[in-house]
Amino acid sequence: MPEPARVQIVGAPVACAGGAKDTWREVSAWVARQITTRFGAGVRVDYYDLFDADCPALPAGATLPLVLVNGATLTSGGKISVPAIRRRLEELGTPVRRPAAQ
């Protein structure tokens, strides 16, 4: 079986009056559920905090949240877009998971 496509999302906690919020981590978990529902084992979604030791290197000029697909920048800054990630995975030929027979 080929290696799964890799989606990497890089974010950071956001400081606010009530303390730090980890909104991008929460959104990334939701995105991972959506993407793996469609592509199953054909995709791997990982979230990294900007300060994690294993965080991928950020390209010059990148802003958070950063979304990489197979190491290439998909989006930098703005929103994390499930449709954009899905389209890129489809362009790369990532197989869509087939629903179980009923």
PDB file of N, CA and C in Angstrom:
ATOM      1  N   MET A   1       0.846  -1.181   0.000  1.00  0.00           N
ATOM      2  CA  MET A   1       0.000   0.000   0.000  1.00  0.00           C
ATOM      3  C   MET A   1       0.891   1.243   0.000  1.00  0.00           C
ATOM      4  N   PRO A   2       0.574   2.235  -0.839  1.00  0.00           N
ATOM      5  CA  PRO A   2       1.402   3.445  -0.894  1.00  0.00           C
ATOM      6  C   PRO A   2       1.302   4.252   0.408  1.00  0.00           C
ATOM      7  N   GLU A   3       2.300   5.077   0.611  1.00  0.00           N
ATOM      8  CA  GLU A   3       2.297   5.961   1.780  1.00  0.00           C
ATOM      9  C   GLU A   3       1.086   6.882   1.715  1.00  0.00           C
ATOM     10  N   PRO A   4       0.471   7.174   2.860  1.00  0.00           N
ATOM     11  CA  PRO A   4      -0.666   8.099   2.841  1.00  0.00           C
ATOM     12  C   PRO A   4      -0.202   9.519   2.519  1.00  0.00           C
ATOM     13  N   ALA A   5      -1.092  10.281   1.899  1.00  0.00           N
ATOM     14  CA  ALA A   5      -0.828  11.709   1.702  1.00  0.00           C
ATOM     15  C   ALA A   5      -0.740  12.328   3.085  1.00  0.00           C
ATOM     16  N   ARG A   6       0.054  13.360   3.222  1.00  0.00           N
ATOM     17  CA  ARG A   6       0.263  13.950   4.544  1.00  0.00           C
ATOM     18  C   ARG A   6      -0.195  15.404   4.556  1.00  0.00           C
ATOM     19  N   VAL A   7      -1.117  15.687   5.471  1.00  0.00           N
ATOM     20  CA  VAL A   7      -1.580  17.050   5.688  1.00  0.00           C
ATOM     21  C   VAL A   7      -1.007  17.489   7.027  1.00  0.00           C
ATOM     22  N   GLN A   8      -0.264  18.593   7.012  1.00  0.00           N
ATOM     23  CA  GLN A   8       0.313  19.131   8.242  1.00  0.00           C
ATOM     24  C   GLN A   8      -0.260  20.522   8.457  1.00  0.00           C
ATOM     25  N   ILE A   9      -0.765  20.742   9.663  1.00  0.00           N
ATOM     26  CA  ILE A   9      -1.330  22.038  10.012  1.00  0.00           C
ATOM     27  C   ILE A   9      -0.515  22.599  11.165  1.00  0.00           C
ATOM     28  N   VAL A  10      -0.028  23.816  10.991  1.00  0.00           N
ATOM     29  CA  VAL A  10       0.782  24.461  12.019  1.00  0.00           C
ATOM     30  C   VAL A  10       0.015  25.660  12.552  1.00  0.00           C
ATOM     31  N   GLY A  11      -0.129  25.713  13.859  1.00  0.00           N
ATOM     32  CA  GLY A  11      -0.816  26.822  14.511  1.00  0.00           C
ATOM     33  C   GLY A  11      -0.117  27.160  15.806  1.00  0.00           C
ATOM     34  N   ALA A  12      -0.779  27.923  16.633  1.00  0.00           N
ATOM     35  CA  ALA A  12      -0.239  28.301  17.945  1.00  0.00           C
ATOM     36  C   ALA A  12      -1.407  28.721  18.826  1.00  0.00           C
ATOM     37  N   PRO A  13      -1.237  28.568  20.142  1.00  0.00           N
ATOM     38  CA  PRO A  13      -2.279  29.067  21.042  1.00  0.00           C
ATOM     39  C   PRO A  13      -2.421  30.586  20.880  1.00  0.00           C
ATOM     40  N   VAL A  14      -3.624  31.061  21.111  1.00  0.00           N
ATOM     41  CA  VAL A  14      -3.899  32.494  20.996  1.00  0.00           C
ATOM     42  C   VAL A  14      -4.173  33.036  22.391  1.00  0.00           C
ATOM     43  N   ALA A  15      -3.447  34.075  22.762  1.00  0.00           N
ATOM     44  CA  ALA A  15      -3.649  34.689  24.078  1.00  0.00           C
ATOM     45  C   ALA A  15      -4.860  35.607  24.038  1.00  0.00           C
ATOM     46  N   CYS A  16      -5.671  35.523  25.078  1.00  0.00           N
ATOM     47  CA  CYS A  16      -6.823  36.406  25.194  1.00  0.00           C
ATOM     48  C   CYS A  16      -7.018  36.742  26.670  1.00  0.00           C
ATOM     49  N   ALA A  17      -7.994  37.587  26.968  1.00  0.00           N
ATOM     50  CA  ALA A  17      -8.220  38.048  28.340  1.00  0.00           C
ATOM     51  C   ALA A  17      -8.456  36.889  29.304  1.00  0.00           C
ATOM     52  N   GLY A  18      -9.092  35.823  28.857  1.00  0.00           N
ATOM     53  CA  GLY A  18      -9.392  34.684  29.722  1.00  0.00           C
ATOM     54  C   GLY A  18      -8.284  33.647  29.760  1.00  0.00           C
ATOM     55  N   GLY A  19      -7.151  33.905  29.156  1.00  0.00           N
ATOM     56  CA  GLY A  19      -6.056  32.939  29.091  1.00  0.00           C
ATOM     57  C   GLY A  19      -5.782  32.563  27.652  1.00  0.00           C
ATOM     58  N   ALA A  20      -5.059  31.471  27.462  1.00  0.00           N
ATOM     59  CA  ALA A  20      -4.722  31.019  26.107  1.00  0.00           C
ATOM     60  C   ALA A  20      -5.811  30.096  25.583  1.00  0.00           C
ATOM     61  N   LYS A  21      -6.129  30.258  24.307  1.00  0.00           N
ATOM     62  CA  LYS A  21      -7.087  29.374  23.634  1.00  0.00           C
ATOM     63  C   LYS A  21      -6.327  28.614  22.553  1.00  0.00           C
ATOM     64  N   ASP A  22      -6.652  27.350  22.414  1.00  0.00           N
ATOM     65  CA  ASP A  22      -5.996  26.507  21.422  1.00  0.00           C
ATOM     66  C   ASP A  22      -6.965  26.222  20.267  1.00  0.00           C
ATOM     67  N   THR A  23      -7.522  27.275  19.711  1.00  0.00           N
ATOM     68  CA  THR A  23      -8.559  27.174  18.695  1.00  0.00           C
ATOM     69  C   THR A  23      -8.087  26.435  17.452  1.00  0.00           C
ATOM     70  N   TRP A  24      -6.873  26.720  16.986  1.00  0.00           N
ATOM     71  CA  TRP A  24      -6.407  26.061  15.760  1.00  0.00           C
ATOM     72  C   TRP A  24      -6.256  24.564  15.966  1.00  0.00           C
ATOM     73  N   ARG A  25      -5.860  24.132  17.153  1.00  0.00           N
ATOM     74  CA  ARG A  25      -5.761  22.698  17.433  1.00  0.00           C
ATOM     75  C   ARG A  25      -7.160  22.067  17.349  1.00  0.00           C
ATOM     76  N   GLU A  26      -8.153  22.755  17.912  1.00  0.00           N
ATOM     77  CA  GLU A  26      -9.528  22.250  17.882  1.00  0.00           C
ATOM     78  C   GLU A  26     -10.060  22.188  16.453  1.00  0.00           C
ATOM     79  N   VAL A  27      -9.830  23.231  15.689  1.00  0.00           N
ATOM     80  CA  VAL A  27     -10.271  23.247  14.288  1.00  0.00           C
ATOM     81  C   VAL A  27      -9.546  22.155  13.505  1.00  0.00           C
ATOM     82  N   SER A  28      -8.271  21.968  13.767  1.00  0.00           N
ATOM     83  CA  SER A  28      -7.491  20.945  13.069  1.00  0.00           C
ATOM     84  C   SER A  28      -8.013  19.544  13.360  1.00  0.00           C
ATOM     85  N   ALA A  29      -8.455  19.296  14.585  1.00  0.00           N
ATOM     86  CA  ALA A  29      -9.031  17.987  14.932  1.00  0.00           C
ATOM     87  C   ALA A  29     -10.316  17.761  14.134  1.00  0.00           C
ATOM     88  N   TRP A  30     -11.131  18.797  13.994  1.00  0.00           N
ATOM     89  CA  TRP A  30     -12.361  18.695  13.202  1.00  0.00           C
ATOM     90  C   TRP A  30     -12.022  18.439  11.730  1.00  0.00           C
ATOM     91  N   VAL A  31     -11.039  19.181  11.213  1.00  0.00           N
ATOM     92  CA  VAL A  31     -10.603  19.000   9.821  1.00  0.00           C
ATOM     93  C   VAL A  31     -10.113  17.564   9.613  1.00  0.00           C
ATOM     94  N   ALA A  32      -9.329  17.058  10.551  1.00  0.00           N
ATOM     95  CA  ALA A  32      -8.813  15.687  10.434  1.00  0.00           C
ATOM     96  C   ALA A  32      -9.946  14.683  10.350  1.00  0.00           C
ATOM     97  N   ARG A  33     -10.990  14.866  11.145  1.00  0.00           N
ATOM     98  CA  ARG A  33     -12.144  13.948  11.088  1.00  0.00           C
ATOM     99  C   ARG A  33     -12.818  14.018   9.727  1.00  0.00           C
ATOM    100  N   GLN A  34     -12.987  15.220   9.197  1.00  0.00           N
ATOM    101  CA  GLN A  34     -13.638  15.386   7.895  1.00  0.00           C
ATOM    102  C   GLN A  34     -12.814  14.742   6.777  1.00  0.00           C
ATOM    103  N   ILE A  35     -11.525  14.990   6.789  1.00  0.00           N
ATOM    104  CA  ILE A  35     -10.645  14.499   5.728  1.00  0.00           C
ATOM    105  C   ILE A  35     -10.489  12.982   5.803  1.00  0.00           C
ATOM    106  N   THR A  36     -10.318  12.430   7.008  1.00  0.00           N
ATOM    107  CA  THR A  36     -10.144  10.977   7.109  1.00  0.00           C
ATOM    108  C   THR A  36     -11.458  10.240   6.850  1.00  0.00           C
ATOM    109  N   THR A  37     -12.588  10.883   7.084  1.00  0.00           N
ATOM    110  CA  THR A  37     -13.861  10.261   6.719  1.00  0.00           C
ATOM    111  C   THR A  37     -13.914  10.052   5.208  1.00  0.00           C
ATOM    112  N   ARG A  38     -13.399  10.995   4.457  1.00  0.00           N
ATOM    113  CA  ARG A  38     -13.429  10.902   2.987  1.00  0.00           C
ATOM    114  C   ARG A  38     -12.317  10.017   2.425  1.00  0.00           C
ATOM    115  N   PHE A  39     -11.109  10.138   2.978  1.00  0.00           N
ATOM    116  CA  PHE A  39      -9.956   9.468   2.387  1.00  0.00           C
ATOM    117  C   PHE A  39      -9.436   8.279   3.192  1.00  0.00           C
ATOM    118  N   GLY A  40      -9.941   8.061   4.390  1.00  0.00           N
ATOM    119  CA  GLY A  40      -9.533   6.918   5.207  1.00  0.00           C
ATOM    120  C   GLY A  40      -8.033   6.872   5.435  1.00  0.00           C
ATOM    121  N   ALA A  41      -7.472   5.676   5.292  1.00  0.00           N
ATOM    122  CA  ALA A  41      -6.045   5.465   5.532  1.00  0.00           C
ATOM    123  C   ALA A  41      -5.165   6.076   4.443  1.00  0.00           C
ATOM    124  N   GLY A  42      -5.773   6.645   3.417  1.00  0.00           N
ATOM    125  CA  GLY A  42      -5.011   7.274   2.339  1.00  0.00           C
ATOM    126  C   GLY A  42      -4.457   8.635   2.700  1.00  0.00           C
ATOM    127  N   VAL A  43      -4.788   9.106   3.901  1.00  0.00           N
ATOM    128  CA  VAL A  43      -4.314  10.424   4.325  1.00  0.00           C
ATOM    129  C   VAL A  43      -3.972  10.400   5.808  1.00  0.00           C
ATOM    130  N   ARG A  44      -3.002  11.199   6.159  1.00  0.00           N
ATOM    131  CA  ARG A  44      -2.617  11.382   7.560  1.00  0.00           C
ATOM    132  C   ARG A  44      -2.626  12.877   7.836  1.00  0.00           C
ATOM    133  N   VAL A  45      -3.335  13.285   8.886  1.00  0.00           N
ATOM    134  CA  VAL A  45      -3.425  14.700   9.248  1.00  0.00           C
ATOM    135  C   VAL A  45      -2.740  14.893  10.602  1.00  0.00           C
ATOM    136  N   ASP A  46      -1.771  15.796  10.647  1.00  0.00           N
ATOM    137  CA  ASP A  46      -1.048  16.085  11.889  1.00  0.00           C
ATOM    138  C   ASP A  46      -1.118  17.578  12.191  1.00  0.00           C
ATOM    139  N   TYR A  47      -1.335  17.883  13.468  1.00  0.00           N
ATOM    140  CA  TYR A  47      -1.313  19.275  13.927  1.00  0.00           C
ATOM    141  C   TYR A  47      -0.021  19.508  14.691  1.00  0.00           C
ATOM    142  N   TYR A  48       0.587  20.662  14.479  1.00  0.00           N
ATOM    143  CA  TYR A  48       1.792  21.054  15.197  1.00  0.00           C
ATOM    144  C   TYR A  48       1.598  22.436  15.790  1.00  0.00           C
ATOM    145  N   ASP A  49       1.975  22.570  17.027  1.00  0.00           N
ATOM    146  CA  ASP A  49       2.079  23.895  17.630  1.00  0.00           C
ATOM    147  C   ASP A  49       3.387  24.481  17.097  1.00  0.00           C
ATOM    148  N   LEU A  50       3.392  25.754  16.828  1.00  0.00           N
ATOM    149  CA  LEU A  50       4.568  26.426  16.277  1.00  0.00           C
ATOM    150  C   LEU A  50       5.834  26.120  17.073  1.00  0.00           C
ATOM    151  N   PHE A  51       5.686  25.889  18.366  1.00  0.00           N
ATOM    152  CA  PHE A  51       6.856  25.697  19.222  1.00  0.00           C
ATOM    153  C   PHE A  51       7.172  24.227  19.494  1.00  0.00           C
ATOM    154  N   ASP A  52       6.462  23.289  18.846  1.00  0.00           N
ATOM    155  CA  ASP A  52       6.773  21.865  18.990  1.00  0.00           C
ATOM    156  C   ASP A  52       8.142  21.583  18.382  1.00  0.00           C
ATOM    157  N   ALA A  53       8.878  20.687  19.017  1.00  0.00           N
ATOM    158  CA  ALA A  53      10.219  20.346  18.523  1.00  0.00           C
ATOM    159  C   ALA A  53      10.172  19.748  17.123  1.00  0.00           C
ATOM    160  N   ASP A  54       9.107  18.999  16.798  1.00  0.00           N
ATOM    161  CA  ASP A  54       9.019  18.352  15.491  1.00  0.00           C
ATOM    162  C   ASP A  54       8.181  19.130  14.475  1.00  0.00           C
ATOM    163  N   CYS A  55       7.903  20.387  14.771  1.00  0.00           N
ATOM    164  CA  CYS A  55       7.136  21.237  13.851  1.00  0.00           C
ATOM    165  C   CYS A  55       7.897  21.381  12.533  1.00  0.00           C
ATOM    166  N   PRO A  56       7.206  21.218  11.396  1.00  0.00           N
ATOM    167  CA  PRO A  56       7.891  21.400  10.112  1.00  0.00           C
ATOM    168  C   PRO A  56       8.408  22.833   9.971  1.00  0.00           C
ATOM    169  N   ALA A  57       9.451  22.981   9.191  1.00  0.00           N
ATOM    170  CA  ALA A  57      10.009  24.309   8.941  1.00  0.00           C
ATOM    171  C   ALA A  57       8.983  25.160   8.207  1.00  0.00           C
ATOM    172  N   LEU A  58       8.859  26.406   8.620  1.00  0.00           N
ATOM    173  CA  LEU A  58       7.936  27.327   7.963  1.00  0.00           C
ATOM    174  C   LEU A  58       8.631  27.995   6.786  1.00  0.00           C
ATOM    175  N   PRO A  59       7.946  28.056   5.644  1.00  0.00           N
ATOM    176  CA  PRO A  59       8.525  28.765   4.502  1.00  0.00           C
ATOM    177  C   PRO A  59       8.659  30.257   4.818  1.00  0.00           C
ATOM    178  N   ALA A  60       9.554  30.914   4.139  1.00  0.00           N
ATOM    179  CA  ALA A  60       9.736  32.354   4.329  1.00  0.00           C
ATOM    180  C   ALA A  60       8.415  33.074   4.097  1.00  0.00           C
ATOM    181  N   GLY A  61       8.070  33.980   4.985  1.00  0.00           N
ATOM    182  CA  GLY A  61       6.862  34.778   4.835  1.00  0.00           C
ATOM    183  C   GLY A  61       5.578  34.084   5.244  1.00  0.00           C
ATOM    184  N   ALA A  62       5.663  32.854   5.741  1.00  0.00           N
ATOM    185  CA  ALA A  62       4.456  32.113   6.125  1.00  0.00           C
ATOM    186  C   ALA A  62       3.794  32.749   7.338  1.00  0.00           C
ATOM    187  N   THR A  63       2.466  32.671   7.371  1.00  0.00           N
ATOM    188  CA  THR A  63       1.706  33.112   8.535  1.00  0.00           C
ATOM    189  C   THR A  63       0.826  31.952   8.987  1.00  0.00           C
ATOM    190  N   LEU A  64       0.408  32.024  10.229  1.00  0.00           N
ATOM    191  CA  LEU A  64      -0.406  30.953  10.802  1.00  0.00           C
ATOM    192  C   LEU A  64      -1.878  31.228  10.592  1.00  0.00           C
ATOM    193  N   PRO A  65      -2.678  30.199  10.461  1.00  0.00           N
ATOM    194  CA  PRO A  65      -2.295  28.799  10.396  1.00  0.00           C
ATOM    195  C   PRO A  65      -1.701  28.470   9.028  1.00  0.00           C
ATOM    196  N   LEU A  66      -0.752  27.555   9.036  1.00  0.00           N
ATOM    197  CA  LEU A  66      -0.101  27.096   7.817  1.00  0.00           C
ATOM    198  C   LEU A  66      -0.585  25.685   7.529  1.00  0.00           C
ATOM    199  N   VAL A  67      -0.981  25.424   6.291  1.00  0.00           N
ATOM    200  CA  VAL A  67      -1.418  24.085   5.894  1.00  0.00           C
ATOM    201  C   VAL A  67      -0.491  23.604   4.784  1.00  0.00           C
ATOM    202  N   LEU A  68       0.151  22.464   5.032  1.00  0.00           N
ATOM    203  CA  LEU A  68       1.041  21.833   4.063  1.00  0.00           C
ATOM    204  C   LEU A  68       0.416  20.515   3.627  1.00  0.00           C
ATOM    205  N   VAL A  69       0.497  20.215   2.346  1.00  0.00           N
ATOM    206  CA  VAL A  69       0.061  18.918   1.842  1.00  0.00           C
ATOM    207  C   VAL A  69       1.271  18.297   1.147  1.00  0.00           C
ATOM    208  N   ASN A  70       1.695  17.163   1.660  1.00  0.00           N
ATOM    209  CA  ASN A  70       2.911  16.491   1.181  1.00  0.00           C
ATOM    210  C   ASN A  70       4.096  17.451   1.130  1.00  0.00           C
ATOM    211  N   GLY A  71       4.190  18.310   2.145  1.00  0.00           N
ATOM    212  CA  GLY A  71       5.328  19.211   2.284  1.00  0.00           C
ATOM    213  C   GLY A  71       5.220  20.517   1.527  1.00  0.00           C
ATOM    214  N   ALA A  72       4.224  20.671   0.669  1.00  0.00           N
ATOM    215  CA  ALA A  72       4.055  21.903  -0.113  1.00  0.00           C
ATOM    216  C   ALA A  72       2.980  22.774   0.535  1.00  0.00           C
ATOM    217  N   THR A  73       3.222  24.071   0.561  1.00  0.00           N
ATOM    218  CA  THR A  73       2.268  24.999   1.161  1.00  0.00           C
ATOM    219  C   THR A  73       0.971  25.014   0.369  1.00  0.00           C
ATOM    220  N   LEU A  74      -0.137  24.782   1.070  1.00  0.00           N
ATOM    221  CA  LEU A  74      -1.460  24.919   0.471  1.00  0.00           C
ATOM    222  C   LEU A  74      -2.014  26.289   0.825  1.00  0.00           C
ATOM    223  N   THR A  75      -2.030  26.614   2.117  1.00  0.00           N
ATOM    224  CA  THR A  75      -2.484  27.936   2.547  1.00  0.00           C
ATOM    225  C   THR A  75      -1.598  28.434   3.680  1.00  0.00           C
ATOM    226  N   SER A  76      -1.508  29.744   3.765  1.00  0.00           N
ATOM    227  CA  SER A  76      -0.727  30.404   4.805  1.00  0.00           C
ATOM    228  C   SER A  76      -1.548  31.581   5.289  1.00  0.00           C
ATOM    229  N   GLY A  77      -1.973  31.512   6.547  1.00  0.00           N
ATOM    230  CA  GLY A  77      -2.832  32.556   7.095  1.00  0.00           C
ATOM    231  C   GLY A  77      -4.276  32.313   6.694  1.00  0.00           C
ATOM    232  N   GLY A  78      -5.158  33.085   7.246  1.00  0.00           N
ATOM    233  CA  GLY A  78      -6.569  32.961   6.907  1.00  0.00           C
ATOM    234  C   GLY A  78      -7.222  31.780   7.592  1.00  0.00           C
ATOM    235  N   LYS A  79      -8.075  31.100   6.847  1.00  0.00           N
ATOM    236  CA  LYS A  79      -8.837  29.984   7.399  1.00  0.00           C
ATOM    237  C   LYS A  79      -8.231  28.653   6.977  1.00  0.00           C
ATOM    238  N   ILE A  80      -8.537  27.618   7.740  1.00  0.00           N
ATOM    239  CA  ILE A  80      -8.190  26.255   7.359  1.00  0.00           C
ATOM    240  C   ILE A  80      -9.392  25.731   6.572  1.00  0.00           C
ATOM    241  N   SER A  81      -9.205  25.467   5.291  1.00  0.00           N
ATOM    242  CA  SER A  81     -10.304  25.124   4.396  1.00  0.00           C
ATOM    243  C   SER A  81     -10.338  23.636   4.063  1.00  0.00           C
ATOM    244  N   VAL A  82     -11.370  22.939   4.531  1.00  0.00           N
ATOM    245  CA  VAL A  82     -11.546  21.527   4.186  1.00  0.00           C
ATOM    246  C   VAL A  82     -11.701  21.356   2.677  1.00  0.00           C
ATOM    247  N   PRO A  83     -12.533  22.174   1.976  1.00  0.00           N
ATOM    248  CA  PRO A  83     -12.644  21.999   0.524  1.00  0.00           C
ATOM    249  C   PRO A  83     -11.305  22.165  -0.210  1.00  0.00           C
ATOM    250  N   ALA A  84     -10.480  23.111   0.223  1.00  0.00           N
ATOM    251  CA  ALA A  84      -9.179  23.306  -0.432  1.00  0.00           C
ATOM    252  C   ALA A  84      -8.271  22.104  -0.201  1.00  0.00           C
ATOM    253  N   ILE A  85      -8.274  21.567   1.005  1.00  0.00           N
ATOM    254  CA  ILE A  85      -7.460  20.388   1.307  1.00  0.00           C
ATOM    255  C   ILE A  85      -7.964  19.198   0.488  1.00  0.00           C
ATOM    256  N   ARG A  86      -9.284  19.014   0.462  1.00  0.00           N
ATOM    257  CA  ARG A  86      -9.879  17.910  -0.295  1.00  0.00           C
ATOM    258  C   ARG A  86      -9.498  17.994  -1.775  1.00  0.00           C
ATOM    259  N   ARG A  87      -9.623  19.193  -2.355  1.00  0.00           N
ATOM    260  CA  ARG A  87      -9.279  19.375  -3.775  1.00  0.00           C
ATOM    261  C   ARG A  87      -7.818  19.014  -4.039  1.00  0.00           C
ATOM    262  N   ARG A  88      -6.916  19.486  -3.166  1.00  0.00           N
ATOM    263  CA  ARG A  88      -5.493  19.188  -3.371  1.00  0.00           C
ATOM    264  C   ARG A  88      -5.235  17.688  -3.283  1.00  0.00           C
ATOM    265  N   LEU A  89      -5.854  17.025  -2.304  1.00  0.00           N
ATOM    266  CA  LEU A  89      -5.680  15.577  -2.173  1.00  0.00           C
ATOM    267  C   LEU A  89      -6.211  14.853  -3.404  1.00  0.00           C
ATOM    268  N   GLU A  90      -7.337  15.308  -3.925  1.00  0.00           N
ATOM    269  CA  GLU A  90      -7.886  14.707  -5.145  1.00  0.00           C
ATOM    270  C   GLU A  90      -6.964  14.944  -6.331  1.00  0.00           C
ATOM    271  N   GLU A  91      -6.400  16.152  -6.436  1.00  0.00           N
ATOM    272  CA  GLU A  91      -5.450  16.456  -7.509  1.00  0.00           C
ATOM    273  C   GLU A  91      -4.236  15.536  -7.439  1.00  0.00           C
ATOM    274  N   LEU A  92      -3.832  15.174  -6.226  1.00  0.00           N
ATOM    275  CA  LEU A  92      -2.680  14.291  -6.035  1.00  0.00           C
ATOM    276  C   LEU A  92      -3.032  12.820  -6.258  1.00  0.00           C
ATOM    277  N   GLY A  93      -4.322  12.541  -6.499  1.00  0.00           N
ATOM    278  CA  GLY A  93      -4.740  11.173  -6.752  1.00  0.00           C
ATOM    279  C   GLY A  93      -4.957  10.337  -5.503  1.00  0.00           C
ATOM    280  N   THR A  94      -5.153  10.989  -4.362  1.00  0.00           N
ATOM    281  CA  THR A  94      -5.413  10.260  -3.123  1.00  0.00           C
ATOM    282  C   THR A  94      -6.734   9.518  -3.271  1.00  0.00           C
ATOM    283  N   PRO A  95      -6.722   8.203  -3.064  1.00  0.00           N
ATOM    284  CA  PRO A  95      -7.959   7.442  -3.251  1.00  0.00           C
ATOM    285  C   PRO A  95      -9.024   7.786  -2.212  1.00  0.00           C
ATOM    286  N   VAL A  96     -10.257   7.884  -2.679  1.00  0.00           N
ATOM    287  CA  VAL A  96     -11.390   8.150  -1.792  1.00  0.00           C
ATOM    288  C   VAL A  96     -11.787   6.831  -1.147  1.00  0.00           C
ATOM    289  N   ARG A  97     -12.061   6.892   0.135  1.00  0.00           N
ATOM    290  CA  ARG A  97     -12.469   5.696   0.887  1.00  0.00           C
ATOM    291  C   ARG A  97     -13.831   5.241   0.394  1.00  0.00           C
ATOM    292  N   ARG A  98     -13.955   3.977   0.176  1.00  0.00           N
ATOM    293  CA  ARG A  98     -15.231   3.412  -0.270  1.00  0.00           C
ATOM    294  C   ARG A  98     -16.063   3.077   0.955  1.00  0.00           C
ATOM    295  N   PRO A  99     -17.344   3.467   0.948  1.00  0.00           N
ATOM    296  CA  PRO A  99     -18.215   3.117   2.078  1.00  0.00           C
ATOM    297  C   PRO A  99     -18.376   1.606   2.190  1.00  0.00           C
ATOM    298  N   ALA A 100     -18.569   1.131   3.408  1.00  0.00           N
ATOM    299  CA  ALA A 100     -18.768  -0.305   3.638  1.00  0.00           C
ATOM    300  C   ALA A 100     -20.083  -0.742   2.999  1.00  0.00           C
ATOM    301  N   ALA A 101     -20.103  -1.942   2.464  1.00  0.00           N
ATOM    302  CA  ALA A 101     -21.336  -2.483   1.868  1.00  0.00           C
ATOM    303  C   ALA A 101     -22.371  -2.700   2.961  1.00  0.00           C
ATOM    304  N   GLN A 102     -23.603  -2.406   2.627  1.00  0.00           N
ATOM    305  CA  GLN A 102     -24.674  -2.554   3.639  1.00  0.00           C
ATOM    306  C   GLN A 102     -25.579  -3.691   3.302  1.00  0.00           C
TER     307      GLN A 102
END
